[in-house]
Amino acid sequence: MNASDLMAFEEEVSAAMNAGKIHTPTHLCGGNEAQLIKIFKNVQRDDWVFATYRNHYHALLHGVPQEVVMRQIIQGRSMTPCYPGYRFFTSALVGGCLPIAVGVAAAIKRRHEKNKVWCFVGDMAATTGAFHEAMSYADGHDLPITFVVEDNGLSCDTPTKEVWGRGLSSRLMRYEYVRLRPHLGVAH
């Protein structure tokens, strides 16, 4: 998928929301297409991807068919889709995927498998104790996991730049982007 495909998908979701076809909270993506496309060039099909409640792009880039993702969104599972057959999991809880992603990475290492885990979190989750514990455990046990912090400068709608710490791990990828859509909803 390219950036235009991703943006067109979110426009379709936005139109469905405006038409009243979606009755649950739905967090739309936007503004980070280029960064995610670049990152997903390194994600292999047999890798595991753990994402946040803003996950549509991640699912699509990891190979989940558009119609499958759209069906989950329409059915009210935009923030919590899980596609085990695609090795794709999410959580609506801030940092909720962190311990599960670390556990999967530990299992991969114990089984001497070649795949790895990609765990995407927002900048708010990256300030939590759970994030630092997950990174510390992964570092201490040399686990096959990369943490990607999607930094739009906001914790929901509150600026978070001042809460970032120093000394980021070598297992951490971080990119910044300007959010195109509100925290929740379809307003432009």
C-alpha atoms as a PDB file:
ATOM      1  CA  MET A   1       0.000   0.000   0.000  1.00  0.00           C
ATOM      2  CA  ASN A   2       1.115   3.527  -0.667  1.00  0.00           C
ATOM      3  CA  ALA A   3       0.252   6.755   1.169  1.00  0.00           C
ATOM      4  CA  SER A   4      -2.662   7.509  -1.172  1.00  0.00           C
ATOM      5  CA  ASP A   5      -4.173   4.073  -0.528  1.00  0.00           C
ATOM      6  CA  LEU A   6      -3.907   4.549   3.234  1.00  0.00           C
ATOM      7  CA  MET A   7      -5.440   8.028   3.141  1.00  0.00           C
ATOM      8  CA  ALA A   8      -8.262   6.830   0.882  1.00  0.00           C
ATOM      9  CA  PHE A   9      -9.049   4.065   3.359  1.00  0.00           C
ATOM     10  CA  GLU A  10      -9.308   6.555   6.229  1.00  0.00           C
ATOM     11  CA  GLU A  11     -11.518   8.808   4.104  1.00  0.00           C
ATOM     12  CA  GLU A  12     -13.820   5.818   3.628  1.00  0.00           C
ATOM     13  CA  VAL A  13     -13.891   5.277   7.405  1.00  0.00           C
ATOM     14  CA  SER A  14     -14.557   8.983   7.958  1.00  0.00           C
ATOM     15  CA  ALA A  15     -17.451   8.884   5.465  1.00  0.00           C
ATOM     16  CA  ALA A  16     -18.913   5.827   7.226  1.00  0.00           C
ATOM     17  CA  MET A  17     -18.697   7.661  10.558  1.00  0.00           C
ATOM     18  CA  ASN A  18     -20.377  10.754   9.127  1.00  0.00           C
ATOM     19  CA  ALA A  19     -23.116   8.552   7.630  1.00  0.00           C
ATOM     20  CA  GLY A  20     -23.826   7.060  11.073  1.00  0.00           C
ATOM     21  CA  LYS A  21     -22.625   3.559  10.151  1.00  0.00           C
ATOM     22  CA  ILE A  22     -20.088   3.456  12.991  1.00  0.00           C
ATOM     23  CA  HIS A  23     -21.435   3.810  16.522  1.00  0.00           C
ATOM     24  CA  THR A  24     -18.312   3.359  18.624  1.00  0.00           C
ATOM     25  CA  PRO A  25     -15.160   5.415  19.225  1.00  0.00           C
ATOM     26  CA  THR A  26     -12.889   5.303  16.192  1.00  0.00           C
ATOM     27  CA  HIS A  27      -9.451   6.882  16.105  1.00  0.00           C
ATOM     28  CA  LEU A  28      -8.485   7.776  12.565  1.00  0.00           C
ATOM     29  CA  CYS A  29      -4.926   7.739  11.263  1.00  0.00           C
ATOM     30  CA  GLY A  30      -3.302  10.492   9.284  1.00  0.00           C
ATOM     31  CA  GLY A  31      -0.068  12.407   8.974  1.00  0.00           C
ATOM     32  CA  ASN A  32       2.262   9.462   9.511  1.00  0.00           C
ATOM     33  CA  GLU A  33       1.867   7.582   6.246  1.00  0.00           C
ATOM     34  CA  ALA A  34       5.442   8.075   5.000  1.00  0.00           C
ATOM     35  CA  GLN A  35       7.033   7.085   8.295  1.00  0.00           C
ATOM     36  CA  LEU A  36       4.952   3.921   8.651  1.00  0.00           C
ATOM     37  CA  ILE A  37       5.528   2.862   5.050  1.00  0.00           C
ATOM     38  CA  LYS A  38       9.273   3.199   5.635  1.00  0.00           C
ATOM     39  CA  ILE A  39       9.165   1.235   8.906  1.00  0.00           C
ATOM     40  CA  PHE A  40       6.989  -1.526   7.458  1.00  0.00           C
ATOM     41  CA  LYS A  41       9.564  -2.166   4.732  1.00  0.00           C
ATOM     42  CA  ASN A  42      11.525  -3.818   7.573  1.00  0.00           C
ATOM     43  CA  VAL A  43       8.578  -5.750   9.012  1.00  0.00           C
ATOM     44  CA  GLN A  44       8.432  -9.287   7.677  1.00  0.00           C
ATOM     45  CA  ARG A  45       5.158 -11.150   7.098  1.00  0.00           C
ATOM     46  CA  ASP A  46       5.954 -13.635   9.907  1.00  0.00           C
ATOM     47  CA  ASP A  47       6.841 -10.855  12.370  1.00  0.00           C
ATOM     48  CA  TRP A  48       4.364  -9.956  15.088  1.00  0.00           C
ATOM     49  CA  VAL A  49       2.895  -6.434  15.139  1.00  0.00           C
ATOM     50  CA  PHE A  50       1.340  -4.923  18.262  1.00  0.00           C
ATOM     51  CA  ALA A  51      -0.396  -1.580  17.808  1.00  0.00           C
ATOM     52  CA  THR A  52      -2.384   1.056  19.655  1.00  0.00           C
ATOM     53  CA  TYR A  53      -6.029   2.043  19.362  1.00  0.00           C
ATOM     54  CA  ARG A  54      -5.016   4.105  16.293  1.00  0.00           C
ATOM     55  CA  ASN A  55      -4.125   1.007  14.257  1.00  0.00           C
ATOM     56  CA  HIS A  56      -5.777   0.966  10.817  1.00  0.00           C
ATOM     57  CA  TYR A  57      -2.594   1.815   8.901  1.00  0.00           C
ATOM     58  CA  HIS A  58      -0.576  -0.775  10.814  1.00  0.00           C
ATOM     59  CA  ALA A  59      -3.043  -3.549  10.006  1.00  0.00           C
ATOM     60  CA  LEU A  60      -3.173  -2.628   6.334  1.00  0.00           C
ATOM     61  CA  LEU A  61       0.601  -2.343   6.027  1.00  0.00           C
ATOM     62  CA  HIS A  62       1.047  -5.730   7.725  1.00  0.00           C
ATOM     63  CA  GLY A  63      -1.136  -7.350   5.093  1.00  0.00           C
ATOM     64  CA  VAL A  64      -4.582  -7.513   6.672  1.00  0.00           C
ATOM     65  CA  PRO A  65      -7.017  -7.081   3.753  1.00  0.00           C
ATOM     66  CA  GLN A  66      -8.857  -3.759   3.580  1.00  0.00           C
ATOM     67  CA  GLU A  67     -12.282  -5.411   3.636  1.00  0.00           C
ATOM     68  CA  VAL A  68     -11.392  -7.322   6.818  1.00  0.00           C
ATOM     69  CA  VAL A  69     -10.196  -4.156   8.572  1.00  0.00           C
ATOM     70  CA  MET A  70     -13.246  -2.195   7.414  1.00  0.00           C
ATOM     71  CA  ARG A  71     -15.622  -4.924   8.603  1.00  0.00           C
ATOM     72  CA  GLN A  72     -14.070  -4.773  12.103  1.00  0.00           C
ATOM     73  CA  ILE A  73     -14.390  -0.979  12.157  1.00  0.00           C
ATOM     74  CA  ILE A  74     -18.051  -1.052  11.074  1.00  0.00           C
ATOM     75  CA  GLN A  75     -18.745  -3.734  13.698  1.00  0.00           C
ATOM     76  CA  GLY A  76     -17.400  -1.399  16.390  1.00  0.00           C
ATOM     77  CA  ARG A  77     -13.961  -2.916  16.903  1.00  0.00           C
ATOM     78  CA  SER A  78     -11.828  -0.125  15.472  1.00  0.00           C
ATOM     79  CA  MET A  79      -9.712   0.198  18.624  1.00  0.00           C
ATOM     80  CA  THR A  80      -9.299  -3.501  19.425  1.00  0.00           C
ATOM     81  CA  PRO A  81      -8.978  -5.601  16.276  1.00  0.00           C
ATOM     82  CA  CYS A  82      -6.856  -8.709  16.584  1.00  0.00           C
ATOM     83  CA  TYR A  83      -5.928 -10.825  13.599  1.00  0.00           C
ATOM     84  CA  PRO A  84      -4.011 -13.874  14.891  1.00  0.00           C
ATOM     85  CA  GLY A  85      -3.619 -15.275  11.382  1.00  0.00           C
ATOM     86  CA  TYR A  86      -1.734 -12.116  10.450  1.00  0.00           C
ATOM     87  CA  ARG A  87       0.156 -11.937  13.752  1.00  0.00           C
ATOM     88  CA  PHE A  88      -1.462  -8.585  14.497  1.00  0.00           C
ATOM     89  CA  PHE A  89      -2.806  -7.485  17.886  1.00  0.00           C
ATOM     90  CA  THR A  90      -3.991  -4.224  19.408  1.00  0.00           C
ATOM     91  CA  SER A  91      -5.187  -2.787  22.674  1.00  0.00           C
ATOM     92  CA  ALA A  92      -7.391   0.186  23.463  1.00  0.00           C
ATOM     93  CA  LEU A  93      -5.512   0.594  26.749  1.00  0.00           C
ATOM     94  CA  VAL A  94      -2.587   2.993  26.736  1.00  0.00           C
ATOM     95  CA  GLY A  95       0.448   0.695  26.726  1.00  0.00           C
ATOM     96  CA  GLY A  96      -1.812  -2.357  26.939  1.00  0.00           C
ATOM     97  CA  CYS A  97       0.128  -4.324  24.324  1.00  0.00           C
ATOM     98  CA  LEU A  98       3.524  -3.795  25.922  1.00  0.00           C
ATOM     99  CA  PRO A  99       3.680  -6.816  28.267  1.00  0.00           C
ATOM    100  CA  ILE A 100       2.095  -9.105  25.681  1.00  0.00           C
ATOM    101  CA  ALA A 101       4.545  -7.997  22.988  1.00  0.00           C
ATOM    102  CA  VAL A 102       7.471  -8.620  25.342  1.00  0.00           C
ATOM    103  CA  GLY A 103       6.078 -12.061  26.189  1.00  0.00           C
ATOM    104  CA  VAL A 104       5.806 -12.968  22.503  1.00  0.00           C
ATOM    105  CA  ALA A 105       9.387 -11.759  21.946  1.00  0.00           C
ATOM    106  CA  ALA A 106      10.547 -13.949  24.846  1.00  0.00           C
ATOM    107  CA  ALA A 107       8.768 -16.954  23.317  1.00  0.00           C
ATOM    108  CA  ILE A 108      10.397 -16.286  19.937  1.00  0.00           C
ATOM    109  CA  LYS A 109      13.825 -16.233  21.582  1.00  0.00           C
ATOM    110  CA  ARG A 110      13.202 -19.415  23.587  1.00  0.00           C
ATOM    111  CA  ARG A 111      12.071 -21.220  20.440  1.00  0.00           C
ATOM    112  CA  HIS A 112      15.072 -19.956  18.475  1.00  0.00           C
ATOM    113  CA  GLU A 113      12.767 -18.543  15.796  1.00  0.00           C
ATOM    114  CA  LYS A 114      13.987 -15.953  13.305  1.00  0.00           C
ATOM    115  CA  ASN A 115      11.023 -13.557  13.355  1.00  0.00           C
ATOM    116  CA  LYS A 116      10.663 -10.575  15.664  1.00  0.00           C
ATOM    117  CA  VAL A 117       8.139  -8.301  17.328  1.00  0.00           C
ATOM    118  CA  TRP A 118       7.298  -4.714  16.452  1.00  0.00           C
ATOM    119  CA  CYS A 119       5.486  -2.855  19.234  1.00  0.00           C
ATOM    120  CA  PHE A 120       3.984   0.536  18.348  1.00  0.00           C
ATOM    121  CA  VAL A 121       3.032   2.963  21.120  1.00  0.00           C
ATOM    122  CA  GLY A 122       2.173   6.640  21.302  1.00  0.00           C
ATOM    123  CA  ASP A 123       4.257   9.228  23.068  1.00  0.00           C
ATOM    124  CA  MET A 124       1.896   9.128  26.060  1.00  0.00           C
ATOM    125  CA  ALA A 125       2.441   5.373  26.508  1.00  0.00           C
ATOM    126  CA  ALA A 126       6.192   5.924  26.211  1.00  0.00           C
ATOM    127  CA  THR A 127       6.085   7.983  29.419  1.00  0.00           C
ATOM    128  CA  THR A 128       4.535   5.167  31.480  1.00  0.00           C
ATOM    129  CA  GLY A 129       6.258   2.775  33.831  1.00  0.00           C
ATOM    130  CA  ALA A 130       4.972  -0.163  31.794  1.00  0.00           C
ATOM    131  CA  PHE A 131       6.890   1.105  28.768  1.00  0.00           C
ATOM    132  CA  HIS A 132      10.138   1.493  30.665  1.00  0.00           C
ATOM    133  CA  GLU A 133       9.716  -1.915  32.316  1.00  0.00           C
ATOM    134  CA  ALA A 134       9.057  -3.542  28.934  1.00  0.00           C
ATOM    135  CA  MET A 135      12.137  -1.894  27.400  1.00  0.00           C
ATOM    136  CA  SER A 136      14.281  -2.777  30.400  1.00  0.00           C
ATOM    137  CA  TYR A 137      13.208  -6.428  30.305  1.00  0.00           C
ATOM    138  CA  ALA A 138      13.726  -6.615  26.532  1.00  0.00           C
ATOM    139  CA  ASP A 139      17.192  -5.067  26.878  1.00  0.00           C
ATOM    140  CA  GLY A 140      18.126  -7.289  29.827  1.00  0.00           C
ATOM    141  CA  HIS A 141      17.106 -10.458  27.993  1.00  0.00           C
ATOM    142  CA  ASP A 142      18.191  -9.397  24.494  1.00  0.00           C
ATOM    143  CA  LEU A 143      14.729 -10.005  23.062  1.00  0.00           C
ATOM    144  CA  PRO A 144      13.891  -9.700  19.340  1.00  0.00           C
ATOM    145  CA  ILE A 145      11.646  -6.670  19.700  1.00  0.00           C
ATOM    146  CA  THR A 146      11.648  -3.116  18.419  1.00  0.00           C
ATOM    147  CA  PHE A 147       9.554  -0.469  20.148  1.00  0.00           C
ATOM    148  CA  VAL A 148       8.314   2.284  17.851  1.00  0.00           C
ATOM    149  CA  VAL A 149       7.111   5.494  19.482  1.00  0.00           C
ATOM    150  CA  GLU A 150       4.669   7.413  17.311  1.00  0.00           C
ATOM    151  CA  ASP A 151       5.204  10.915  18.589  1.00  0.00           C
ATOM    152  CA  ASN A 152       2.556  13.411  17.520  1.00  0.00           C
ATOM    153  CA  GLY A 153       3.394  15.593  20.516  1.00  0.00           C
ATOM    154  CA  LEU A 154       0.071  14.860  22.159  1.00  0.00           C
ATOM    155  CA  SER A 155      -1.225  12.648  24.921  1.00  0.00           C
ATOM    156  CA  CYS A 156      -4.766  12.451  23.555  1.00  0.00           C
ATOM    157  CA  ASP A 157      -5.027  16.235  23.201  1.00  0.00           C
ATOM    158  CA  THR A 158      -2.487  17.412  25.803  1.00  0.00           C
ATOM    159  CA  PRO A 159       1.097  18.311  24.766  1.00  0.00           C
ATOM    160  CA  THR A 160       3.610  15.705  26.010  1.00  0.00           C
ATOM    161  CA  LYS A 161       6.984  16.944  24.731  1.00  0.00           C
ATOM    162  CA  GLU A 162       8.084  18.107  28.178  1.00  0.00           C
ATOM    163  CA  VAL A 163       7.617  14.616  29.691  1.00  0.00           C
ATOM    164  CA  TRP A 164      10.069  12.777  27.396  1.00  0.00           C
ATOM    165  CA  GLY A 165      13.062  11.350  29.201  1.00  0.00           C
ATOM    166  CA  ARG A 166      16.610  10.947  27.965  1.00  0.00           C
ATOM    167  CA  GLY A 167      18.725   7.918  27.187  1.00  0.00           C
ATOM    168  CA  LEU A 168      16.548   6.125  24.649  1.00  0.00           C
ATOM    169  CA  SER A 169      17.271   2.444  24.085  1.00  0.00           C
ATOM    170  CA  SER A 170      18.819   1.106  20.896  1.00  0.00           C
ATOM    171  CA  ARG A 171      15.642  -0.995  20.561  1.00  0.00           C
ATOM    172  CA  LEU A 172      13.547   2.148  20.226  1.00  0.00           C
ATOM    173  CA  MET A 173      12.511   3.783  16.981  1.00  0.00           C
ATOM    174  CA  ARG A 174      10.795   7.126  17.250  1.00  0.00           C
ATOM    175  CA  TYR A 175       9.345   9.390  14.615  1.00  0.00           C
ATOM    176  CA  GLU A 176       7.432  12.650  14.819  1.00  0.00           C
ATOM    177  CA  TYR A 177       4.449  13.654  12.744  1.00  0.00           C
ATOM    178  CA  VAL A 178       1.663  16.235  12.698  1.00  0.00           C
ATOM    179  CA  ARG A 179      -1.710  14.655  13.337  1.00  0.00           C
ATOM    180  CA  LEU A 180      -4.256  15.388  10.596  1.00  0.00           C
ATOM    181  CA  ARG A 181      -7.345  14.276  12.501  1.00  0.00           C
ATOM    182  CA  PRO A 182      -8.656  15.002  15.997  1.00  0.00           C
ATOM    183  CA  HIS A 183      -8.079  12.587  18.867  1.00  0.00           C
ATOM    184  CA  LEU A 184     -11.549  11.136  18.351  1.00  0.00           C
ATOM    185  CA  GLY A 185     -14.083  11.647  15.602  1.00  0.00           C
ATOM    186  CA  VAL A 186     -14.133  12.886  12.058  1.00  0.00           C
ATOM    187  CA  ALA A 187     -13.784  16.663  12.184  1.00  0.00           C
ATOM    188  CA  HIS A 188     -11.079  18.039   9.911  1.00  0.00           C
END
